[in-house]
Amino acid sequence: MKLSIVKNTLNNLSAVNFKLEDGTDVPVHFHVTEVGVVSKHFIDCGGTVRDEKVANFQLWDANDFDHRLAPQKLLNIIALSEKTLGMEDYEVEVEYQTSTIGKYDLDFDGTSFILKSKKTNCLASDKCGIPADKLKVDLKDLEAKTTCCSPGGGCC
């Protein structure tokens, strides 16, 4: 989800809620402890140099149970980040700690922002020999071939 969509969504909310993809709510007393730009400059396994930038939100579950982040407060933090850091309309990545710090993509279900699991991937599969995905078929779904390799089938 792009930062502009997050801002437009926040403009229409009375409360900011996050939940994990499995439906687990991020506690309502969470803090957004960081809003920033994360830049990654790297070379993939095929030798291509790449640059990526994302807008990053870090959520923190503190023990101050009376805390609630209002949509306007988060919009103010984002505006300050845009002004101070030159943050552009990047995709938003969210850091949130469960058993370890996880990085999540962001979606919205009409009520809550959804932290969607990120997956690794090969960016140069055409250069490093990764085969295309093969169609997976259950053996039970294959039709038995009775014309070949059976008595009188003519294949042997």
N, C-alpha and C. Protein backbone atom coordinates (compact mmCIF):
# COMPACT_ATOMS: atom_id res chain seq x y z
N MET A 1 0.85 -1.16 0.00
CA MET A 1 0.00 0.00 0.00
C MET A 1 0.90 1.23 0.00
N LYS A 2 0.61 2.15 -0.88
CA LYS A 2 1.38 3.39 -0.99
C LYS A 2 1.04 4.33 0.17
N LEU A 3 1.98 5.18 0.50
CA LEU A 3 1.80 6.15 1.58
C LEU A 3 0.59 7.05 1.34
N SER A 4 0.36 7.45 0.10
CA SER A 4 -0.79 8.32 -0.21
C SER A 4 -2.10 7.63 0.13
N ILE A 5 -2.18 6.33 -0.06
CA ILE A 5 -3.41 5.58 0.27
C ILE A 5 -3.58 5.50 1.78
N VAL A 6 -2.48 5.31 2.51
CA VAL A 6 -2.54 5.29 3.97
C VAL A 6 -3.08 6.63 4.47
N LYS A 7 -2.56 7.73 3.94
CA LYS A 7 -3.00 9.06 4.36
C LYS A 7 -4.48 9.29 4.03
N ASN A 8 -4.89 8.92 2.84
CA ASN A 8 -6.31 9.07 2.47
C ASN A 8 -7.20 8.23 3.37
N THR A 9 -6.76 7.04 3.70
CA THR A 9 -7.53 6.16 4.59
C THR A 9 -7.63 6.76 5.98
N LEU A 10 -6.51 7.27 6.50
CA LEU A 10 -6.51 7.87 7.84
C LEU A 10 -7.47 9.06 7.92
N ASN A 11 -7.60 9.80 6.83
CA ASN A 11 -8.50 10.96 6.81
C ASN A 11 -9.96 10.57 7.03
N ASN A 12 -10.29 9.30 6.80
CA ASN A 12 -11.68 8.84 6.92
C ASN A 12 -11.92 7.95 8.13
N LEU A 13 -10.94 7.87 9.04
CA LEU A 13 -11.07 6.99 10.21
C LEU A 13 -11.26 7.78 11.49
N SER A 14 -11.94 7.16 12.43
CA SER A 14 -12.06 7.74 13.77
C SER A 14 -11.08 7.09 14.74
N ALA A 15 -10.51 5.93 14.35
CA ALA A 15 -9.53 5.23 15.18
C ALA A 15 -8.55 4.50 14.26
N VAL A 16 -7.32 4.34 14.74
CA VAL A 16 -6.29 3.63 13.98
C VAL A 16 -6.15 2.24 14.59
N ASN A 17 -6.43 1.21 13.79
CA ASN A 17 -6.31 -0.17 14.24
C ASN A 17 -5.45 -0.96 13.28
N PHE A 18 -4.64 -1.84 13.83
CA PHE A 18 -3.83 -2.75 13.04
C PHE A 18 -4.14 -4.16 13.50
N LYS A 19 -4.05 -5.10 12.57
CA LYS A 19 -4.16 -6.51 12.94
C LYS A 19 -3.27 -7.32 12.01
N LEU A 20 -2.87 -8.48 12.52
CA LEU A 20 -2.08 -9.40 11.70
C LEU A 20 -3.01 -10.11 10.73
N GLU A 21 -2.41 -10.69 9.72
CA GLU A 21 -3.16 -11.37 8.66
C GLU A 21 -4.04 -12.50 9.21
N ASP A 22 -3.61 -13.11 10.32
CA ASP A 22 -4.39 -14.20 10.91
C ASP A 22 -5.56 -13.70 11.76
N GLY A 23 -5.75 -12.37 11.82
CA GLY A 23 -6.86 -11.80 12.58
C GLY A 23 -6.49 -11.33 13.97
N THR A 24 -5.27 -11.62 14.43
CA THR A 24 -4.83 -11.18 15.74
C THR A 24 -4.68 -9.66 15.74
N ASP A 25 -5.33 -9.01 16.70
CA ASP A 25 -5.25 -7.55 16.80
C ASP A 25 -3.92 -7.11 17.39
N VAL A 26 -3.36 -6.04 16.83
CA VAL A 26 -2.28 -5.34 17.50
C VAL A 26 -2.97 -4.59 18.64
N PRO A 27 -2.47 -4.68 19.87
CA PRO A 27 -3.16 -4.02 20.98
C PRO A 27 -3.43 -2.54 20.67
N VAL A 28 -4.60 -2.06 21.07
CA VAL A 28 -5.02 -0.70 20.72
C VAL A 28 -4.14 0.37 21.36
N HIS A 29 -3.34 0.00 22.35
CA HIS A 29 -2.46 0.97 23.00
C HIS A 29 -1.07 1.02 22.35
N PHE A 30 -0.93 0.53 21.11
CA PHE A 30 0.35 0.54 20.41
C PHE A 30 0.82 1.99 20.18
N HIS A 31 2.11 2.12 19.97
CA HIS A 31 2.73 3.39 19.59
C HIS A 31 3.32 3.23 18.19
N VAL A 32 3.35 4.28 17.41
CA VAL A 32 4.17 4.34 16.20
C VAL A 32 5.44 5.06 16.64
N THR A 33 6.51 4.30 16.84
CA THR A 33 7.74 4.86 17.40
C THR A 33 8.66 5.44 16.34
N GLU A 34 8.46 5.04 15.09
CA GLU A 34 9.28 5.56 13.99
C GLU A 34 8.44 5.63 12.73
N VAL A 35 8.64 6.69 11.97
CA VAL A 35 8.16 6.78 10.60
C VAL A 35 9.35 7.30 9.81
N GLY A 36 9.75 6.57 8.79
CA GLY A 36 10.94 6.98 8.07
C GLY A 36 11.04 6.37 6.70
N VAL A 37 12.18 6.58 6.10
CA VAL A 37 12.50 6.02 4.79
C VAL A 37 13.61 5.00 4.99
N VAL A 38 13.38 3.79 4.50
CA VAL A 38 14.41 2.76 4.54
C VAL A 38 14.89 2.56 3.11
N SER A 39 16.19 2.70 2.94
CA SER A 39 16.80 2.57 1.63
C SER A 39 17.67 1.32 1.60
N LYS A 40 17.53 0.55 0.55
CA LYS A 40 18.30 -0.68 0.40
C LYS A 40 19.00 -0.63 -0.95
N HIS A 41 20.33 -0.68 -0.93
CA HIS A 41 21.15 -0.68 -2.14
C HIS A 41 21.87 -2.03 -2.16
N PHE A 42 21.59 -2.84 -3.17
CA PHE A 42 22.11 -4.21 -3.15
C PHE A 42 22.33 -4.73 -4.57
N ILE A 43 22.96 -5.88 -4.63
CA ILE A 43 23.15 -6.58 -5.90
C ILE A 43 22.46 -7.93 -5.77
N ASP A 44 21.66 -8.28 -6.77
CA ASP A 44 20.96 -9.56 -6.69
C ASP A 44 21.87 -10.68 -7.19
N CYS A 45 21.42 -11.92 -7.11
CA CYS A 45 22.23 -13.07 -7.47
C CYS A 45 22.54 -13.15 -8.95
N GLY A 46 21.86 -12.33 -9.77
CA GLY A 46 22.15 -12.28 -11.20
C GLY A 46 23.12 -11.17 -11.56
N GLY A 47 23.57 -10.41 -10.56
CA GLY A 47 24.54 -9.35 -10.79
C GLY A 47 23.94 -7.98 -11.06
N THR A 48 22.62 -7.83 -10.93
CA THR A 48 21.97 -6.54 -11.16
C THR A 48 22.00 -5.72 -9.87
N VAL A 49 22.49 -4.48 -9.98
CA VAL A 49 22.49 -3.56 -8.84
C VAL A 49 21.09 -2.95 -8.72
N ARG A 50 20.57 -2.93 -7.52
CA ARG A 50 19.21 -2.45 -7.29
C ARG A 50 19.18 -1.45 -6.13
N ASP A 51 18.23 -0.54 -6.22
CA ASP A 51 17.93 0.41 -5.15
C ASP A 51 16.45 0.31 -4.84
N GLU A 52 16.12 0.20 -3.57
CA GLU A 52 14.73 0.18 -3.15
C GLU A 52 14.56 1.15 -1.98
N LYS A 53 13.44 1.83 -1.96
CA LYS A 53 13.09 2.69 -0.83
C LYS A 53 11.66 2.39 -0.43
N VAL A 54 11.42 2.33 0.87
CA VAL A 54 10.07 2.16 1.40
C VAL A 54 9.85 3.15 2.52
N ALA A 55 8.60 3.53 2.72
CA ALA A 55 8.21 4.28 3.91
C ALA A 55 8.03 3.23 5.00
N ASN A 56 8.62 3.47 6.14
CA ASN A 56 8.64 2.48 7.21
C ASN A 56 7.94 3.02 8.46
N PHE A 57 7.03 2.23 8.99
CA PHE A 57 6.39 2.53 10.28
C PHE A 57 6.83 1.45 11.24
N GLN A 58 7.21 1.85 12.44
CA GLN A 58 7.52 0.86 13.46
C GLN A 58 6.45 0.95 14.54
N LEU A 59 5.79 -0.18 14.79
CA LEU A 59 4.77 -0.26 15.84
C LEU A 59 5.39 -0.87 17.08
N TRP A 60 5.01 -0.34 18.23
CA TRP A 60 5.53 -0.82 19.50
C TRP A 60 4.37 -0.97 20.47
N ASP A 61 4.33 -2.12 21.11
CA ASP A 61 3.30 -2.43 22.10
C ASP A 61 3.89 -2.13 23.48
N ALA A 62 3.50 -1.01 24.05
CA ALA A 62 4.03 -0.60 25.35
C ALA A 62 3.07 -1.02 26.46
N ASN A 63 3.45 -0.71 27.68
CA ASN A 63 2.60 -1.09 28.81
C ASN A 63 1.78 0.09 29.33
N ASP A 64 1.63 1.14 28.52
CA ASP A 64 0.76 2.26 28.92
C ASP A 64 -0.60 2.04 28.26
N PHE A 65 -1.44 1.32 28.94
CA PHE A 65 -2.67 0.80 28.36
C PHE A 65 -3.71 1.86 28.03
N ASP A 66 -3.53 3.09 28.50
CA ASP A 66 -4.48 4.16 28.21
C ASP A 66 -4.13 4.93 26.94
N HIS A 67 -3.03 4.57 26.29
CA HIS A 67 -2.59 5.27 25.07
C HIS A 67 -3.44 4.87 23.86
N ARG A 68 -3.86 5.83 23.07
CA ARG A 68 -4.55 5.58 21.81
C ARG A 68 -4.03 6.56 20.78
N LEU A 69 -3.60 6.07 19.64
CA LEU A 69 -3.09 6.92 18.57
C LEU A 69 -4.24 7.34 17.68
N ALA A 70 -4.50 8.63 17.63
CA ALA A 70 -5.58 9.16 16.79
C ALA A 70 -5.09 9.27 15.35
N PRO A 71 -6.00 9.11 14.39
CA PRO A 71 -5.62 9.23 12.97
C PRO A 71 -4.90 10.54 12.66
N GLN A 72 -5.37 11.66 13.21
CA GLN A 72 -4.74 12.95 12.93
C GLN A 72 -3.31 13.00 13.47
N LYS A 73 -3.06 12.38 14.61
CA LYS A 73 -1.71 12.35 15.18
C LYS A 73 -0.77 11.59 14.25
N LEU A 74 -1.22 10.46 13.72
CA LEU A 74 -0.39 9.71 12.79
C LEU A 74 -0.18 10.50 11.50
N LEU A 75 -1.21 11.17 11.03
CA LEU A 75 -1.06 12.03 9.84
C LEU A 75 -0.02 13.13 10.09
N ASN A 76 -0.01 13.70 11.30
CA ASN A 76 0.98 14.73 11.64
C ASN A 76 2.40 14.17 11.64
N ILE A 77 2.56 12.95 12.16
CA ILE A 77 3.88 12.31 12.18
C ILE A 77 4.34 12.04 10.74
N ILE A 78 3.43 11.57 9.89
CA ILE A 78 3.76 11.31 8.49
C ILE A 78 4.15 12.62 7.79
N ALA A 79 3.38 13.68 8.02
CA ALA A 79 3.67 14.98 7.39
C ALA A 79 5.05 15.49 7.81
N LEU A 80 5.40 15.34 9.08
CA LEU A 80 6.71 15.76 9.55
C LEU A 80 7.82 14.93 8.88
N SER A 81 7.57 13.64 8.72
CA SER A 81 8.55 12.77 8.05
C SER A 81 8.72 13.16 6.58
N GLU A 82 7.62 13.48 5.92
CA GLU A 82 7.70 13.91 4.53
C GLU A 82 8.52 15.19 4.40
N LYS A 83 8.26 16.14 5.29
CA LYS A 83 8.95 17.43 5.24
C LYS A 83 10.42 17.29 5.62
N THR A 84 10.69 16.62 6.72
CA THR A 84 12.04 16.54 7.25
C THR A 84 12.93 15.57 6.48
N LEU A 85 12.39 14.44 6.08
CA LEU A 85 13.18 13.39 5.44
C LEU A 85 13.05 13.39 3.92
N GLY A 86 12.13 14.20 3.40
CA GLY A 86 11.90 14.18 1.95
C GLY A 86 11.22 12.88 1.52
N MET A 87 10.45 12.31 2.42
CA MET A 87 9.78 11.04 2.14
C MET A 87 8.77 11.21 1.01
N GLU A 88 8.83 10.33 0.03
CA GLU A 88 7.94 10.38 -1.12
C GLU A 88 6.83 9.35 -0.97
N ASP A 89 6.05 9.18 -2.01
CA ASP A 89 4.91 8.25 -1.99
C ASP A 89 5.39 6.82 -2.23
N TYR A 90 6.12 6.29 -1.25
CA TYR A 90 6.66 4.94 -1.34
C TYR A 90 5.64 3.92 -0.84
N GLU A 91 5.91 2.67 -1.14
CA GLU A 91 5.17 1.57 -0.51
C GLU A 91 5.47 1.61 0.98
N VAL A 92 4.49 1.26 1.80
CA VAL A 92 4.67 1.27 3.25
C VAL A 92 5.00 -0.14 3.73
N GLU A 93 6.03 -0.20 4.55
CA GLU A 93 6.43 -1.43 5.21
C GLU A 93 6.30 -1.16 6.71
N VAL A 94 5.77 -2.13 7.43
CA VAL A 94 5.57 -1.96 8.88
C VAL A 94 6.44 -2.97 9.62
N GLU A 95 7.15 -2.47 10.63
CA GLU A 95 7.89 -3.34 11.54
C GLU A 95 7.05 -3.52 12.79
N TYR A 96 6.91 -4.77 13.21
CA TYR A 96 6.15 -5.06 14.43
C TYR A 96 6.74 -6.29 15.08
N GLN A 97 6.87 -6.25 16.38
CA GLN A 97 7.48 -7.37 17.09
C GLN A 97 6.44 -8.35 17.57
N THR A 98 6.61 -9.59 17.13
CA THR A 98 5.87 -10.71 17.73
C THR A 98 6.95 -11.52 18.46
N SER A 99 7.33 -12.69 17.97
CA SER A 99 8.43 -13.40 18.62
C SER A 99 9.78 -12.80 18.23
N THR A 100 9.82 -12.10 17.10
CA THR A 100 10.98 -11.32 16.67
C THR A 100 10.45 -10.13 15.88
N ILE A 101 11.31 -9.23 15.49
CA ILE A 101 10.84 -8.09 14.70
C ILE A 101 10.50 -8.61 13.31
N GLY A 102 9.27 -8.39 12.90
CA GLY A 102 8.84 -8.80 11.57
C GLY A 102 8.61 -7.59 10.69
N LYS A 103 8.77 -7.78 9.39
CA LYS A 103 8.47 -6.75 8.42
C LYS A 103 7.24 -7.18 7.65
N TYR A 104 6.30 -6.26 7.50
CA TYR A 104 5.02 -6.58 6.89
C TYR A 104 4.65 -5.57 5.80
N ASP A 105 3.97 -6.05 4.78
CA ASP A 105 3.30 -5.17 3.84
C ASP A 105 2.01 -4.73 4.50
N LEU A 106 1.34 -3.76 3.90
CA LEU A 106 0.17 -3.19 4.52
C LEU A 106 -1.02 -3.25 3.58
N ASP A 107 -2.18 -3.56 4.14
CA ASP A 107 -3.44 -3.58 3.42
C ASP A 107 -4.49 -2.97 4.34
N PHE A 108 -5.71 -2.85 3.85
CA PHE A 108 -6.79 -2.29 4.68
C PHE A 108 -8.06 -3.08 4.39
N ASP A 109 -8.80 -3.46 5.44
CA ASP A 109 -10.00 -4.28 5.25
C ASP A 109 -11.31 -3.50 5.44
N GLY A 110 -11.21 -2.17 5.48
CA GLY A 110 -12.40 -1.36 5.69
C GLY A 110 -12.52 -0.86 7.12
N THR A 111 -11.83 -1.52 8.04
CA THR A 111 -11.84 -1.14 9.45
C THR A 111 -10.43 -1.00 10.02
N SER A 112 -9.59 -1.97 9.67
CA SER A 112 -8.24 -2.05 10.24
C SER A 112 -7.20 -2.15 9.13
N PHE A 113 -6.00 -1.65 9.46
CA PHE A 113 -4.86 -1.89 8.59
C PHE A 113 -4.39 -3.31 8.87
N ILE A 114 -4.13 -4.05 7.82
CA ILE A 114 -3.72 -5.46 7.95
C ILE A 114 -2.23 -5.57 7.68
N LEU A 115 -1.51 -6.21 8.62
CA LEU A 115 -0.09 -6.48 8.45
C LEU A 115 0.03 -7.80 7.69
N LYS A 116 0.42 -7.69 6.42
CA LYS A 116 0.51 -8.86 5.54
C LYS A 116 1.94 -9.38 5.51
N SER A 117 2.07 -10.68 5.69
CA SER A 117 3.39 -11.30 5.70
C SER A 117 4.12 -11.05 4.39
N LYS A 118 5.39 -10.74 4.51
CA LYS A 118 6.24 -10.55 3.34
C LYS A 118 6.94 -11.87 3.03
N LYS A 119 7.26 -12.07 1.78
CA LYS A 119 7.95 -13.29 1.35
C LYS A 119 9.24 -12.92 0.63
N THR A 120 10.24 -13.77 0.76
CA THR A 120 11.46 -13.57 -0.01
C THR A 120 11.23 -14.11 -1.42
N ASN A 121 12.07 -13.67 -2.34
CA ASN A 121 11.93 -14.10 -3.72
C ASN A 121 13.26 -13.87 -4.43
N CYS A 122 13.53 -14.63 -5.46
CA CYS A 122 14.69 -14.41 -6.30
C CYS A 122 14.32 -13.36 -7.35
N LEU A 123 15.09 -12.29 -7.41
CA LEU A 123 14.80 -11.21 -8.37
C LEU A 123 15.45 -11.47 -9.73
N ALA A 124 16.29 -12.48 -9.81
CA ALA A 124 17.00 -12.76 -11.06
C ALA A 124 16.83 -14.21 -11.47
N SER A 125 15.62 -14.73 -11.33
CA SER A 125 15.39 -16.15 -11.61
C SER A 125 15.74 -16.51 -13.04
N ASP A 126 15.64 -15.56 -13.96
CA ASP A 126 16.00 -15.84 -15.36
C ASP A 126 17.51 -15.99 -15.53
N LYS A 127 18.31 -15.49 -14.60
CA LYS A 127 19.77 -15.55 -14.71
C LYS A 127 20.41 -16.62 -13.84
N CYS A 128 19.72 -17.07 -12.82
CA CYS A 128 20.37 -18.02 -11.91
C CYS A 128 19.80 -19.43 -11.99
N GLY A 129 19.00 -19.70 -13.01
CA GLY A 129 18.58 -21.06 -13.27
C GLY A 129 17.41 -21.57 -12.45
N ILE A 130 16.61 -20.69 -11.90
CA ILE A 130 15.44 -21.13 -11.16
C ILE A 130 14.38 -21.59 -12.16
N PRO A 131 13.95 -22.84 -12.07
CA PRO A 131 12.93 -23.30 -13.03
C PRO A 131 11.58 -22.64 -12.77
N ALA A 132 10.81 -22.50 -13.82
CA ALA A 132 9.45 -21.96 -13.68
C ALA A 132 8.64 -22.93 -12.81
N ASP A 133 7.67 -22.39 -12.10
CA ASP A 133 6.83 -23.25 -11.28
C ASP A 133 6.17 -24.31 -12.13
N LYS A 134 6.22 -25.53 -11.64
CA LYS A 134 5.58 -26.64 -12.33
C LYS A 134 4.19 -26.84 -11.77
N LEU A 135 3.30 -27.27 -12.63
CA LEU A 135 1.95 -27.58 -12.22
C LEU A 135 1.98 -28.77 -11.28
N LYS A 136 1.40 -28.63 -10.11
CA LYS A 136 1.36 -29.72 -9.14
C LYS A 136 0.03 -30.44 -9.29
N VAL A 137 0.12 -31.76 -9.47
CA VAL A 137 -1.06 -32.58 -9.68
C VAL A 137 -1.03 -33.74 -8.70
N ASP A 138 -2.15 -34.01 -8.05
CA ASP A 138 -2.25 -35.19 -7.20
C ASP A 138 -2.32 -36.42 -8.08
N LEU A 139 -1.57 -37.45 -7.70
CA LEU A 139 -1.57 -38.68 -8.48
C LEU A 139 -2.96 -39.30 -8.56
N LYS A 140 -3.74 -39.15 -7.54
CA LYS A 140 -5.08 -39.72 -7.55
C LYS A 140 -5.97 -39.09 -8.62
N ASP A 141 -5.60 -37.87 -9.07
CA ASP A 141 -6.40 -37.17 -10.07
C ASP A 141 -6.01 -37.54 -11.51
N LEU A 142 -4.91 -38.27 -11.67
CA LEU A 142 -4.50 -38.67 -13.01
C LEU A 142 -5.35 -39.85 -13.49
N GLU A 143 -5.73 -39.80 -14.73
CA GLU A 143 -6.49 -40.92 -15.29
C GLU A 143 -5.54 -42.09 -15.56
N ALA A 144 -6.00 -43.27 -15.25
CA ALA A 144 -5.20 -44.45 -15.54
C ALA A 144 -5.16 -44.66 -17.04
N LYS A 145 -3.97 -44.92 -17.55
CA LYS A 145 -3.80 -45.18 -18.98
C LYS A 145 -3.94 -46.68 -19.20
N THR A 146 -5.03 -47.09 -19.76
CA THR A 146 -5.27 -48.52 -19.96
C THR A 146 -4.85 -48.97 -21.34
N THR A 147 -4.53 -48.02 -22.22
CA THR A 147 -4.17 -48.42 -23.59
C THR A 147 -2.70 -48.74 -23.72
N CYS A 148 -1.87 -48.29 -22.77
CA CYS A 148 -0.44 -48.55 -22.87
C CYS A 148 -0.01 -49.37 -21.68
N CYS A 149 0.96 -50.19 -21.88
CA CYS A 149 1.53 -51.01 -20.82
C CYS A 149 0.50 -51.91 -20.18
N SER A 150 -0.44 -52.35 -20.95
CA SER A 150 -1.39 -53.34 -20.51
C SER A 150 -1.39 -54.43 -21.57
N PRO A 151 -1.85 -55.59 -21.22
CA PRO A 151 -1.86 -56.65 -22.23
C PRO A 151 -2.61 -56.20 -23.48
N GLY A 152 -1.91 -56.25 -24.62
CA GLY A 152 -2.52 -55.85 -25.88
C GLY A 152 -2.48 -54.36 -26.11
N GLY A 153 -1.82 -53.60 -25.25
CA GLY A 153 -1.78 -52.14 -25.39
C GLY A 153 -0.85 -51.67 -26.50
N GLY A 154 0.07 -52.49 -26.89
CA GLY A 154 0.94 -52.15 -28.01
C GLY A 154 2.12 -51.27 -27.68
N CYS A 155 2.42 -51.04 -26.43
CA CYS A 155 3.55 -50.15 -26.13
C CYS A 155 4.81 -50.94 -25.82
N CYS A 156 4.73 -52.20 -25.60
CA CYS A 156 5.90 -52.97 -25.24
C CYS A 156 6.28 -53.91 -26.36
